[in-house]
Protein backbone atom coordinates (compact mmCIF):
# COMPACT_ATOMS: atom_id res chain seq x y z
CA UNK A 1 68.19 62.76 48.52
CA UNK A 2 64.78 64.42 48.77
CA UNK A 3 64.39 67.95 47.52
CA UNK A 4 63.04 70.52 49.88
CA UNK A 5 59.47 71.30 48.88
CA UNK A 6 59.62 74.71 50.50
CA UNK A 7 56.95 73.87 53.04
CA UNK A 8 57.86 74.69 56.63
CA UNK A 9 57.33 71.59 58.77
CA UNK A 10 55.63 71.87 62.11
CA UNK A 11 57.97 71.73 65.09
CA UNK A 12 56.83 68.99 67.41
CA UNK A 13 56.27 69.63 71.07
CA UNK A 14 58.08 67.10 73.27
CA UNK A 15 55.76 65.09 75.50
CA UNK A 16 58.58 64.40 77.92
CA UNK A 17 61.43 66.83 78.37
CA UNK A 18 65.03 65.78 77.91
CA UNK A 19 65.65 66.64 81.56
CA UNK A 20 62.99 64.14 82.63
CA UNK A 21 64.22 61.43 80.29
CA UNK A 22 67.85 61.77 81.35
CA UNK A 23 66.91 61.92 85.03
CA UNK A 24 64.71 58.84 84.82
CA UNK A 25 67.35 57.00 82.81
CA UNK A 26 70.12 57.75 85.27
CA UNK A 27 67.86 56.91 88.23
CA UNK A 28 66.96 53.56 86.72
CA UNK A 29 70.60 52.76 86.04
CA UNK A 30 71.64 53.73 89.56
CA UNK A 31 68.61 52.00 91.08
CA UNK A 32 69.16 48.72 89.28
CA UNK A 33 72.92 48.76 89.85
CA UNK A 34 72.89 49.63 93.54
CA UNK A 35 69.82 47.52 94.32
CA UNK A 36 71.28 44.50 92.61
CA UNK A 37 74.62 44.97 94.34
CA UNK A 38 73.07 45.47 97.78
CA UNK A 39 70.70 42.55 97.49
CA UNK A 40 73.52 40.34 96.25
CA UNK A 41 75.74 41.35 99.16
CA UNK A 42 72.99 40.83 101.75
CA UNK A 43 71.95 37.45 100.42
CA UNK A 44 75.59 36.39 100.18
CA UNK A 45 76.07 37.39 103.79
CA UNK A 46 72.99 35.42 104.88
CA UNK A 47 74.19 32.41 102.94
CA UNK A 48 77.52 32.56 104.74
CA UNK A 49 75.67 32.74 108.10
CA UNK A 50 73.61 29.71 107.13
CA UNK A 51 76.78 27.86 106.26
CA UNK A 52 78.32 28.86 109.58
CA UNK A 53 75.22 27.68 111.47
CA UNK A 54 75.34 24.37 109.62
CA UNK A 55 78.98 23.95 110.54
CA UNK A 56 78.25 24.80 114.19
CA UNK A 57 75.49 22.23 114.65
CA UNK A 58 77.38 19.57 112.72
CA UNK A 59 80.50 20.00 114.83
CA UNK A 60 78.46 20.06 118.02
CA UNK A 61 76.57 16.92 117.00
CA UNK A 62 79.78 15.09 116.22
CA UNK A 63 81.31 16.14 119.51
CA UNK A 64 78.29 14.84 121.52
CA UNK A 65 78.16 11.66 119.46
CA UNK A 66 81.85 10.98 120.00
CA UNK A 67 81.51 11.40 123.78
CA UNK A 68 78.37 9.24 123.82
CA UNK A 69 79.96 6.34 121.94
CA UNK A 70 82.50 6.07 124.74
CA UNK A 71 79.70 5.53 127.25
CA UNK A 72 77.77 3.14 125.04
CA UNK A 73 80.70 0.78 124.75
CA UNK A 74 79.97 -0.55 128.27
CA UNK A 75 76.42 0.66 128.97
CA UNK A 76 72.98 0.59 127.48
CA UNK A 77 71.53 3.79 126.09
CA UNK A 78 68.72 3.72 128.62
CA UNK A 79 71.01 3.13 131.62
CA UNK A 80 71.04 5.76 134.38
CA UNK A 81 74.77 6.22 133.92
CA UNK A 82 74.35 7.21 130.27
CA UNK A 83 71.34 9.40 131.07
CA UNK A 84 73.26 11.35 133.72
CA UNK A 85 76.16 11.75 131.34
CA UNK A 86 73.89 13.03 128.58
CA UNK A 87 72.08 15.44 130.87
CA UNK A 88 75.32 17.01 132.01
CA UNK A 89 76.93 17.04 128.57
CA UNK A 90 73.92 18.42 126.72
CA UNK A 91 73.38 21.07 129.39
CA UNK A 92 76.93 22.30 128.87
CA UNK A 93 76.70 22.09 125.08
CA UNK A 94 73.21 23.61 124.74
CA UNK A 95 71.94 25.75 127.57
CA UNK A 96 75.30 26.90 128.94
CA UNK A 97 76.89 27.51 125.54
CA UNK A 98 77.40 31.28 125.20
CA UNK A 99 79.40 31.12 122.00
CA UNK A 100 76.96 29.23 119.81
CA UNK A 101 73.92 31.26 120.77
CA UNK A 102 71.74 29.96 117.94
CA UNK A 103 71.86 26.32 119.11
CA UNK A 104 68.24 25.65 120.13
CA UNK A 105 68.15 22.04 121.32
CA UNK A 106 69.94 18.74 121.63
CA UNK A 107 68.11 15.45 122.21
CA UNK A 108 68.93 11.73 122.25
CA UNK A 109 66.19 9.27 121.27
CA UNK A 110 66.13 5.52 121.55
CA UNK A 111 65.14 3.22 118.74
CA UNK A 112 61.45 3.85 119.50
CA UNK A 113 61.82 7.65 119.41
CA UNK A 114 61.54 7.94 123.17
CA UNK A 115 63.46 10.82 124.73
CA UNK A 116 66.43 9.50 126.67
CA UNK A 117 67.91 12.91 127.47
CA UNK A 118 67.75 16.38 126.09
CA UNK A 119 68.22 20.12 126.59
CA UNK A 120 66.41 22.98 124.85
CA UNK A 121 66.02 26.72 124.75
CA UNK A 122 62.24 27.02 124.37
CA UNK A 123 62.42 30.59 123.12
CA UNK A 124 64.53 29.49 120.16
CA UNK A 125 62.58 26.43 119.18
CA UNK A 126 59.98 27.38 116.58
CA UNK A 127 57.63 24.69 115.35
CA UNK A 128 55.85 24.55 112.00
CA UNK A 129 53.22 27.26 111.79
CA UNK A 130 55.25 29.56 114.07
CA UNK A 131 54.21 27.98 117.35
CA UNK A 132 56.44 27.35 120.39
CA UNK A 133 56.30 25.71 123.87
CA UNK A 134 57.18 27.45 127.14
CA UNK A 135 59.03 24.51 128.74
CA UNK A 136 61.88 22.40 127.47
CA UNK A 137 60.28 19.01 128.24
CA UNK A 138 57.20 19.68 126.13
CA UNK A 139 59.34 21.13 123.36
CA UNK A 140 61.60 18.05 123.38
CA UNK A 141 58.61 15.71 123.28
CA UNK A 142 57.20 17.57 120.29
CA UNK A 143 60.61 17.54 118.57
CA UNK A 144 60.79 13.79 119.05
CA UNK A 145 57.28 13.44 117.70
CA UNK A 146 58.16 15.47 114.57
CA UNK A 147 61.52 13.71 114.24
CA UNK A 148 63.24 17.12 114.17
CA UNK A 149 61.39 18.36 111.07
CA UNK A 150 60.58 21.83 112.33
CA UNK A 151 60.25 23.97 109.18
CA UNK A 152 62.18 26.83 107.57
CA UNK A 153 63.10 28.63 110.77
CA UNK A 154 64.99 25.60 112.18
CA UNK A 155 67.79 23.37 110.94
CA UNK A 156 68.39 19.90 112.47
CA UNK A 157 71.39 17.60 112.23
CA UNK A 158 70.70 13.86 112.82
CA UNK A 159 73.39 11.33 113.75
CA UNK A 160 72.39 7.65 114.20
CA UNK A 161 73.84 5.96 117.30
CA UNK A 162 75.23 2.63 116.15
CA UNK A 163 77.07 0.25 118.50
CA UNK A 164 79.09 -2.66 117.19
CA UNK A 165 77.31 -5.91 117.79
CA UNK A 166 74.06 -4.19 118.83
CA UNK A 167 73.23 -2.13 115.70
CA UNK A 168 71.46 1.22 115.84
CA UNK A 169 70.28 1.87 119.34
CA UNK A 170 69.03 5.41 118.85
CA UNK A 171 69.82 8.80 117.35
CA UNK A 172 71.16 12.19 118.29
CA UNK A 173 69.53 15.41 117.01
CA UNK A 174 71.08 18.89 117.32
CA UNK A 175 68.86 21.81 116.23
CA UNK A 176 69.81 25.39 115.49
CA UNK A 177 67.49 28.37 115.10
CA UNK A 178 67.68 30.65 112.01
CA UNK A 179 65.45 33.30 113.52
CA UNK A 180 68.28 35.59 114.61
CA UNK A 181 69.99 35.28 111.21
CA UNK A 182 66.75 36.03 109.35
CA UNK A 183 65.93 38.94 111.65
CA UNK A 184 69.39 40.46 111.11
CA UNK A 185 69.01 39.87 107.38
CA UNK A 186 65.74 41.81 107.25
CA UNK A 187 67.15 44.53 109.45
CA UNK A 188 70.22 44.90 107.22
CA UNK A 189 68.02 44.83 104.14
CA UNK A 190 65.80 47.65 105.36
CA UNK A 191 68.78 49.63 106.57
CA UNK A 192 70.46 49.33 103.19
CA UNK A 193 67.27 50.24 101.40
CA UNK A 194 66.85 53.31 103.60
CA UNK A 195 70.41 54.44 103.01
CA UNK A 196 70.00 53.75 99.31
CA UNK A 197 66.73 55.72 99.17
CA UNK A 198 68.39 58.70 100.86
CA UNK A 199 71.36 58.46 98.51
CA UNK A 200 68.99 58.16 95.56
CA UNK A 201 67.17 61.34 96.58
CA UNK A 202 70.49 63.19 96.78
CA UNK A 203 71.50 61.80 93.38
CA UNK A 204 68.18 62.92 91.88
CA UNK A 205 68.63 66.44 93.26
CA UNK A 206 72.19 66.55 91.98
CA UNK A 207 71.18 65.24 88.55
CA UNK A 208 68.32 67.69 88.22
CA UNK A 209 70.55 70.62 89.11
CA UNK A 210 73.56 69.44 87.13
CA UNK A 211 71.63 68.35 84.06
CA UNK A 212 69.70 71.59 84.13
CA UNK A 213 72.84 73.69 84.29
CA UNK A 214 75.20 71.63 82.14
CA UNK A 215 72.89 70.00 79.58
CA UNK A 216 69.29 71.16 79.57
CA UNK A 217 69.84 74.91 79.81
CA UNK A 218 72.36 75.07 76.91
CA UNK A 219 70.22 72.80 74.74
CA UNK A 220 67.20 74.97 75.54
CA UNK A 221 69.18 78.03 74.43
CA UNK A 222 69.99 76.34 71.11
CA UNK A 223 66.37 75.24 70.69
CA UNK A 224 65.01 78.74 71.32
CA UNK A 225 67.57 80.21 68.94
CA UNK A 226 66.49 77.71 66.27
CA UNK A 227 62.90 78.80 66.74
CA UNK A 228 64.00 82.39 66.14
CA UNK A 229 65.68 81.28 62.91
CA UNK A 230 62.50 79.50 61.87
CA UNK A 231 60.68 82.82 62.33
CA UNK A 232 63.21 84.51 60.04
CA UNK A 233 65.47 86.07 62.67
CA UNK A 234 69.03 85.37 61.45
CA UNK A 235 70.68 87.70 63.97
CA UNK A 236 70.38 85.22 66.82
CA UNK A 237 73.51 83.80 68.44
CA UNK A 238 74.11 81.19 71.12
CA UNK A 239 76.94 81.93 73.57
CA UNK A 240 77.98 79.18 75.99
CA UNK A 241 80.79 79.36 78.55
CA UNK A 242 81.85 75.74 78.22
CA UNK A 243 84.06 73.54 76.10
CA UNK A 244 82.00 70.37 75.80
CA UNK A 245 80.07 68.84 72.91
CA UNK A 246 77.10 71.16 73.49
CA UNK A 247 79.40 74.16 73.10
CA UNK A 248 80.62 72.65 69.81
CA UNK A 249 76.97 72.26 68.81
CA UNK A 250 76.35 75.93 69.65
CA UNK A 251 79.39 77.05 67.63
CA UNK A 252 78.24 74.93 64.70
CA UNK A 253 74.80 76.45 65.00
CA UNK A 254 76.28 79.97 65.00
CA UNK A 255 78.26 79.19 61.84
CA UNK A 256 75.10 77.79 60.27
CA UNK A 257 73.14 80.95 61.10
CA UNK A 258 75.88 83.11 59.60
CA UNK A 259 75.67 81.05 56.41
CA UNK A 260 71.89 81.27 56.37
CA UNK A 261 72.02 85.02 56.95
CA UNK A 262 74.48 85.48 54.09
CA UNK A 263 72.37 83.29 51.84
CA UNK A 264 69.23 85.20 52.73
CA UNK A 265 71.00 88.47 52.04
CA UNK A 266 72.16 87.11 48.71
CA UNK A 267 68.69 85.84 47.88
CA UNK A 268 67.16 89.14 48.93
CA UNK A 269 69.63 91.04 46.77
CA UNK A 270 69.12 88.73 43.81
CA UNK A 271 65.35 88.91 44.16
CA UNK A 272 65.60 92.63 43.45
CA UNK A 273 66.95 91.90 39.96
CA UNK A 274 64.73 89.10 38.68
CA UNK A 275 61.03 88.46 38.45
CA UNK A 276 59.19 86.37 41.04
CA UNK A 277 59.04 83.35 38.69
CA UNK A 278 62.80 83.36 38.09
CA UNK A 279 63.55 83.91 41.76
CA UNK A 280 61.30 81.03 42.82
CA UNK A 281 63.10 78.66 40.45
CA UNK A 282 66.47 79.84 41.70
CA UNK A 283 65.40 79.39 45.32
CA UNK A 284 64.13 75.88 44.52
CA UNK A 285 67.53 74.92 43.12
CA UNK A 286 66.29 74.43 39.56
CA UNK A 287 68.83 76.89 38.15
CA UNK A 288 72.58 77.23 38.20
CA UNK A 289 74.52 80.48 38.08
CA UNK A 290 77.76 79.01 36.74
CA UNK A 291 79.27 80.31 33.53
CA UNK A 292 77.47 79.43 30.30
CA UNK A 293 76.90 80.79 26.80
CA UNK A 294 73.33 81.78 26.08
CA UNK A 295 71.43 83.47 23.28
CA UNK A 296 70.04 86.51 25.06
CA UNK A 297 68.16 89.68 24.27
CA UNK A 298 69.71 92.72 25.97
CA UNK A 299 67.81 95.96 26.66
CA UNK A 300 69.54 99.23 27.54
CA UNK A 301 67.60 102.26 28.77
CA UNK A 302 69.12 105.67 29.44
CA UNK A 303 67.85 109.06 30.64
CA UNK A 304 68.64 111.91 28.26
CA UNK A 305 70.96 114.76 29.37
CA UNK A 306 71.12 113.30 32.86
CA UNK A 307 74.61 114.62 33.69
CA UNK A 308 73.69 118.21 32.89
CA UNK A 309 70.45 117.80 34.80
CA UNK A 310 72.08 116.32 37.91
CA UNK A 311 74.43 119.31 38.13
CA UNK A 312 71.38 121.51 38.87
CA UNK A 313 69.92 119.20 41.53
CA UNK A 314 71.04 118.36 45.02
CA UNK A 315 72.35 114.79 45.53
CA UNK A 316 69.25 113.92 47.56
CA UNK A 317 66.97 115.14 44.75
CA UNK A 318 68.93 113.12 42.19
CA UNK A 319 68.63 109.92 44.22
CA UNK A 320 64.95 110.47 44.89
CA UNK A 321 64.16 111.12 41.25
CA UNK A 322 66.12 108.06 40.08
CA UNK A 323 64.44 105.81 42.64
CA UNK A 324 61.00 106.98 41.57
CA UNK A 325 61.91 106.44 37.93
CA UNK A 326 63.47 103.00 38.46
CA UNK A 327 60.55 101.86 40.63
CA UNK A 328 58.30 102.31 37.60
CA UNK A 329 60.64 100.87 34.97
CA UNK A 330 61.87 97.83 36.91
CA UNK A 331 58.30 96.70 37.59
CA UNK A 332 57.73 96.64 33.83
CA UNK A 333 60.88 94.54 33.36
CA UNK A 334 59.69 92.10 36.01
CA UNK A 335 56.22 92.03 34.48
CA UNK A 336 57.75 90.64 31.28
CA UNK A 337 60.03 88.21 33.19
CA UNK A 338 63.19 90.16 32.52
CA UNK A 339 66.38 90.08 34.55
CA UNK A 340 67.60 93.48 35.76
CA UNK A 341 71.31 92.94 35.35
CA UNK A 342 72.62 96.27 36.58
CA UNK A 343 72.11 100.00 37.02
CA UNK A 344 74.79 102.22 35.47
CA UNK A 345 74.04 105.62 36.92
CA UNK A 346 70.79 106.61 35.24
CA UNK A 347 70.94 103.69 32.79
CA UNK A 348 69.20 100.35 33.23
CA UNK A 349 70.31 97.07 31.67
CA UNK A 350 67.82 94.20 31.45
CA UNK A 351 68.36 90.75 29.92
CA UNK A 352 65.91 88.15 28.61
CA UNK A 353 66.42 84.40 28.23
CA UNK A 354 68.92 84.64 31.10
CA UNK A 355 69.30 82.90 33.50
CA UNK A 356 66.38 80.67 32.41
CA UNK A 357 65.05 79.69 29.01
CA UNK A 358 62.12 81.82 27.90
CA UNK A 359 59.79 81.72 24.97
CA UNK A 360 60.01 84.78 22.67
CA UNK A 361 62.64 86.73 24.64
CA UNK A 362 62.88 89.28 21.79
CA UNK A 363 59.15 89.98 22.01
CA UNK A 364 59.37 90.29 25.79
CA UNK A 365 62.11 92.91 25.43
CA UNK A 366 60.20 94.90 22.80
CA UNK A 367 57.01 94.84 24.89
CA UNK A 368 59.05 96.02 27.87
CA UNK A 369 60.43 98.96 25.85
CA UNK A 370 56.99 100.01 24.56
CA UNK A 371 55.46 99.76 28.04
CA UNK A 372 58.37 101.77 29.47
CA UNK A 373 57.70 104.59 27.00
CA UNK A 374 53.98 104.42 27.80
CA UNK A 375 54.69 104.46 31.55
CA UNK A 376 57.12 107.34 31.06
CA UNK A 377 54.29 109.48 29.66
CA UNK A 378 52.26 108.91 32.83
CA UNK A 379 55.39 109.42 34.94
CA UNK A 380 55.99 112.81 33.32
CA UNK A 381 52.34 113.82 33.65
CA UNK A 382 52.55 113.13 37.37
CA UNK A 383 55.75 115.16 37.60
CA UNK A 384 54.20 118.03 35.69
CA UNK A 385 51.32 118.15 38.17
CA UNK A 386 53.79 119.00 40.94
CA UNK A 387 55.80 121.40 38.77
CA UNK A 388 58.72 119.13 37.93
CA UNK A 389 60.48 118.74 34.59
CA UNK A 390 59.80 115.86 32.19
CA UNK A 391 62.21 112.96 31.79
CA UNK A 392 63.19 111.62 28.36
CA UNK A 393 64.75 108.22 27.73
CA UNK A 394 66.18 106.13 24.91
CA UNK A 395 66.05 102.34 24.64
CA UNK A 396 68.26 100.03 22.59
CA UNK A 397 67.68 96.30 22.13
CA UNK A 398 69.93 93.62 20.63
CA UNK A 399 69.87 89.81 20.44
CA UNK A 400 72.96 87.62 20.35
CA UNK A 401 75.29 85.27 22.18
CA UNK A 402 76.45 86.32 25.65
CA UNK A 403 78.45 84.72 28.45
CA UNK A 404 76.39 84.58 31.68
CA UNK A 405 77.63 83.69 35.15
CA UNK A 406 79.01 84.88 38.49
CA UNK A 407 81.93 87.19 37.76
CA UNK A 408 84.19 89.07 40.14
CA UNK A 409 86.33 88.54 43.23
CA UNK A 410 85.74 85.51 45.45
CA UNK A 411 84.45 87.88 48.14
CA UNK A 412 82.39 90.05 45.80
CA UNK A 413 80.66 88.24 42.95
CA UNK A 414 78.04 89.57 40.55
CA UNK A 415 75.83 87.60 38.23
CA UNK A 416 76.04 89.37 34.89
CA UNK A 417 76.29 88.92 31.13
CA UNK A 418 79.18 90.00 28.94
CA UNK A 419 79.94 89.85 25.26
CA UNK A 420 79.65 91.70 21.96
CA UNK A 421 75.86 91.47 22.00
CA UNK A 422 75.83 93.47 25.25
CA UNK A 423 78.13 96.16 23.87
CA UNK A 424 76.08 96.46 20.70
CA UNK A 425 72.84 96.92 22.67
CA UNK A 426 74.39 99.92 24.42
CA UNK A 427 75.69 101.33 21.13
CA UNK A 428 72.21 101.03 19.64
CA UNK A 429 70.72 102.86 22.62
CA UNK A 430 73.10 105.77 22.02
CA UNK A 431 71.73 106.10 18.48
CA UNK A 432 68.31 107.09 19.82
CA UNK A 433 69.76 110.57 20.37
CA UNK A 434 70.73 110.76 16.71
CA UNK A 435 67.60 109.29 15.16
CA UNK A 436 65.15 110.91 17.55
CA UNK A 437 63.33 107.60 17.95
CA UNK A 438 63.08 106.42 21.58
CA UNK A 439 63.20 102.67 20.78
CA UNK A 440 65.78 101.13 18.45
CA UNK A 441 66.32 97.40 17.86
CA UNK A 442 68.96 95.48 15.93
CA UNK A 443 68.38 93.35 12.87
CA UNK A 444 68.69 90.11 14.89
CA UNK A 445 65.94 91.28 17.24
CA UNK A 446 63.77 92.58 14.42
CA UNK A 447 63.95 89.23 12.58
CA UNK A 448 62.19 87.57 15.53
CA UNK A 449 59.40 90.17 15.91
CA UNK A 450 59.02 91.63 12.40
CA UNK A 451 55.46 90.41 11.87
CA UNK A 452 54.28 91.60 15.28
CA UNK A 453 55.63 95.15 15.54
CA UNK A 454 55.27 98.41 13.69
CA UNK A 455 58.83 99.46 12.95
CA UNK A 456 60.68 101.81 10.63
CA UNK A 457 63.87 100.66 8.93
CA UNK A 458 66.66 103.20 9.38
CA UNK A 459 69.85 103.65 7.38
CA UNK A 460 72.69 101.42 8.68
CA UNK A 461 75.06 103.23 10.98
CA UNK A 462 78.64 102.58 11.92
CA UNK A 463 79.17 101.97 15.61
CA UNK A 464 82.25 101.49 17.72
CA UNK A 465 83.56 97.92 17.69
CA UNK A 466 81.89 96.95 14.41
CA UNK A 467 83.60 97.07 11.03
CA UNK A 468 80.35 96.86 9.09
CA UNK A 469 77.45 99.32 9.51
CA UNK A 470 74.64 98.08 11.74
CA UNK A 471 71.02 97.97 10.52
CA UNK A 472 68.58 99.61 12.95
CA UNK A 473 64.81 99.61 13.26
CA UNK A 474 62.74 102.16 15.12
CA UNK A 475 59.80 100.49 16.89
CA UNK A 476 56.69 102.56 17.50
CA UNK A 477 54.02 100.03 18.50
CA UNK A 478 52.83 96.45 18.39
CA UNK A 479 50.64 95.39 15.50
CA UNK A 480 47.05 96.07 16.53
CA UNK A 481 48.09 97.68 19.81
CA UNK A 482 47.01 101.20 18.79
CA UNK A 483 43.37 100.15 18.71
CA UNK A 484 43.59 98.31 22.07
CA UNK A 485 45.85 100.55 24.07
CA UNK A 486 45.22 100.17 27.79
CA UNK A 487 45.02 103.23 30.05
CA UNK A 488 48.22 103.90 31.92
CA UNK A 489 48.40 103.14 35.63
CA UNK A 490 48.44 106.28 37.81
CA UNK A 491 51.87 107.20 39.16
CA UNK A 492 52.41 109.25 42.30
CA UNK A 493 55.39 111.63 42.37
CA UNK A 494 56.76 112.80 45.70
CA UNK A 495 57.96 116.38 45.48
CA UNK A 496 61.61 116.62 46.58
CA UNK A 497 62.28 119.00 49.46
CA UNK A 498 64.71 120.97 47.25
CA UNK A 499 62.65 120.93 44.07
CA UNK A 500 63.74 123.95 42.19
CA UNK A 501 64.32 122.64 38.68
CA UNK A 502 61.38 122.93 36.28
CA UNK A 503 60.95 122.13 32.65
CA UNK A 504 62.39 125.52 31.71
CA UNK A 505 65.61 124.66 33.56
CA UNK A 506 66.29 121.45 31.60
CA UNK A 507 68.92 121.89 28.90
CA UNK A 508 67.97 120.62 25.44
CA UNK A 509 69.69 117.44 24.26
CA UNK A 510 72.76 118.04 22.14
CA UNK A 511 72.59 115.90 18.99
CA UNK A 512 75.62 113.97 17.88
CA UNK A 513 77.09 114.21 14.42
CA UNK A 514 75.10 112.01 12.10
CA UNK A 515 75.86 108.35 11.87
CA UNK A 516 78.63 108.04 14.47
CA UNK A 517 78.42 106.53 17.93
CA UNK A 518 79.43 108.59 21.02
CA UNK A 519 78.71 106.10 23.79
CA UNK A 520 81.22 103.42 24.76
CA UNK A 521 80.27 100.57 27.14
CA UNK A 522 81.02 102.72 30.22
CA UNK A 523 78.84 105.80 30.47
CA UNK A 524 80.50 109.13 29.86
CA UNK A 525 79.54 112.58 31.10
CA UNK A 526 76.66 114.18 29.29
CA UNK A 527 74.73 110.97 28.59
């Protein structure tokens, strides 16, 4: 299975529409079927007429021959008696015959091909090349000359006249014209073709209308909706008032769009918590969010005296101030490839080495903390310019094993990390109030960055959930960073419409009793 490269393929433009293809296909099927059937029926009918004509001339020839043999028993073929008999008999059988209207001639020849007697219908006798003669005598002479071989438009039956004791004394030829049969064949053929053409036109009109309404229009709706999805519009929906396969296709498409919309919403939500690099790898399918144990570095940041401060602000001012603050701090987390795991009121929790492996996650977390303090100075300067109070924060960092994965209800999942290392990071953050140092890290974090940071070792403190005191280090800067400190980026503060709290209105932080932790995992009032 090929992996999606992320490139959007070009949508081809059809050279021939489905309507045209289906119409042409159906027309060809109908055309071939009906044409073949009609031609077969017409030719079969002509063949049966040919067979009937053959039977007619054969029977007529046998009847004349039988009557003639009676005369030849006592008379010569050239005798006047036989000639009179033949003239009368052939006249009745040929020229006066109203039933067998295609019989064209009957002639009796002697052994030297001389005409003894004969009757003909000159208008029916067609000679090779299409010629004819106006009178019967000339026609009969020419027939005798050609020995009855008159071409495709005529059929001739020959019966030799043999008398016992005298041998063959002559021959009888009965000819029948195929002109009427062929003319009727062509007339029927053109009539059938005309009827078929008219029926074909009606079928084409019906197919165009029906295919357009039943097939093409619904498929076009689905195609246009798919183009909207390609453009990023996941609110499109195809509604069809039918119960055929195309309606099933439309329903399947609607379910697909719902899934895509939910996935996009999930991706959009998740992209707000991770850096662009992490998000791109997640979107490419290189990462899994199932449960796993990872060695992570957890950073907790908290605004000082936020509960007391929020009591003096309107809810809108609180939200606006927090959004401005988090906009600055989260960008720093993303800059160092951190994962913003959650916001707990005014607190921010970021994780490193989760959900992807990272080099030096401890150093990334420490750099994030130092840059947050640096950005906070600029943030407060911008607030002071518009007469707003300064914000103070504390940051705690710890490194250890955590469990990472999607946790929650099947309808409401959250990717997060849990474990003792997470709890300890929050406990360490609470100690910033006691020590007065804005950045505190644990011993496990310090061991990974000791030679690259300027830090002060603090007396071990006892925290909730730990039997042994925890060693803490207060970080003030990176080694060599004081000489190469970059100027802070300017920050713009929007003055809230109800700004009425200034620096003088902010209550001072209330220190905790030395050495003990006041902050459990869930934030409490006054933190």
